[in-house]
Structure formats: C-alpha cells, structure tokens
Amino acid sequence: MTRRSNELIFWAFFVQKLVGSTQLRVVFGVSGVERM
C-alpha cells in the first residue's frame, strides 16, 4: 500500500510540475506578446 501511495504522490508531483511549467510558459508568452 505504501508503494502504491508513493507512486501516486510521485505522479501527482510530476503532473503538478508539468502543468506549472506550461502555465509559466503561457504567462511569459503573453507578457512577451504584450511587450512587443
């Protein structure tokens, strides 16, 4: 059970990191367009 929970935590962290990076890219992209 601990192994399964560890995998869920790992995937949750990975997805959160991936989504966060994509959101940052979108924000920087929008700010870059506004600057141009």
C-alpha atoms as a PDB file:
ATOM      1  CA  MET A   1       0.000   0.000   0.000  1.00  0.00           C
ATOM      2  CA  THR A   2       2.857   2.368   0.826  1.00  0.00           C
ATOM      3  CA  ARG A   3       4.400   1.629  -2.562  1.00  0.00           C
ATOM      4  CA  ARG A   4       1.133   2.462  -4.344  1.00  0.00           C
ATOM      5  CA  SER A   5       0.766   5.699  -2.364  1.00  0.00           C
ATOM      6  CA  ASN A   6       4.358   6.658  -3.177  1.00  0.00           C
ATOM      7  CA  GLU A   7       3.654   6.159  -6.887  1.00  0.00           C
ATOM      8  CA  LEU A   8       0.500   8.308  -6.655  1.00  0.00           C
ATOM      9  CA  ILE A   9       2.454  11.064  -4.868  1.00  0.00           C
ATOM     10  CA  PHE A  10       5.210  10.873  -7.496  1.00  0.00           C
ATOM     11  CA  TRP A  11       2.754  11.117 -10.404  1.00  0.00           C
ATOM     12  CA  ALA A  12       0.808  13.923  -8.694  1.00  0.00           C
ATOM     13  CA  PHE A  13       4.055  15.871  -8.190  1.00  0.00           C
ATOM     14  CA  PHE A  14       5.145  15.201 -11.781  1.00  0.00           C
ATOM     15  CA  VAL A  15       1.808  16.342 -13.242  1.00  0.00           C
ATOM     16  CA  GLN A  16       1.747  19.411 -10.990  1.00  0.00           C
ATOM     17  CA  LYS A  17       5.284  20.332 -12.057  1.00  0.00           C
ATOM     18  CA  LEU A  18       4.427  19.795 -15.736  1.00  0.00           C
ATOM     19  CA  VAL A  19       1.244  21.889 -15.520  1.00  0.00           C
ATOM     20  CA  GLY A  20       3.067  24.594 -13.561  1.00  0.00           C
ATOM     21  CA  SER A  21       5.819  24.835 -16.187  1.00  0.00           C
ATOM     22  CA  THR A  22       3.255  25.055 -19.004  1.00  0.00           C
ATOM     23  CA  GLN A  23       1.344  27.778 -17.132  1.00  0.00           C
ATOM     24  CA  LEU A  24       4.577  29.741 -16.639  1.00  0.00           C
ATOM     25  CA  ARG A  25       5.339  29.407 -20.356  1.00  0.00           C
ATOM     26  CA  VAL A  26       1.871  30.709 -21.240  1.00  0.00           C
ATOM     27  CA  VAL A  27       2.236  33.644 -18.826  1.00  0.00           C
ATOM     28  CA  PHE A  28       5.701  34.567 -20.145  1.00  0.00           C
ATOM     29  CA  GLY A  29       4.472  34.169 -23.723  1.00  0.00           C
ATOM     30  CA  VAL A  30       1.523  36.510 -23.126  1.00  0.00           C
ATOM     31  CA  SER A  31       3.758  39.058 -21.379  1.00  0.00           C
ATOM     32  CA  GLY A  32       6.241  38.815 -24.262  1.00  0.00           C
ATOM     33  CA  VAL A  33       3.486  39.475 -26.807  1.00  0.00           C
ATOM     34  CA  GLU A  34       2.257  42.455 -24.780  1.00  0.00           C
ATOM     35  CA  ARG A  35       5.800  43.858 -24.637  1.00  0.00           C
ATOM     36  CA  MET A  36       6.157  43.538 -28.420  1.00  0.00           C
END
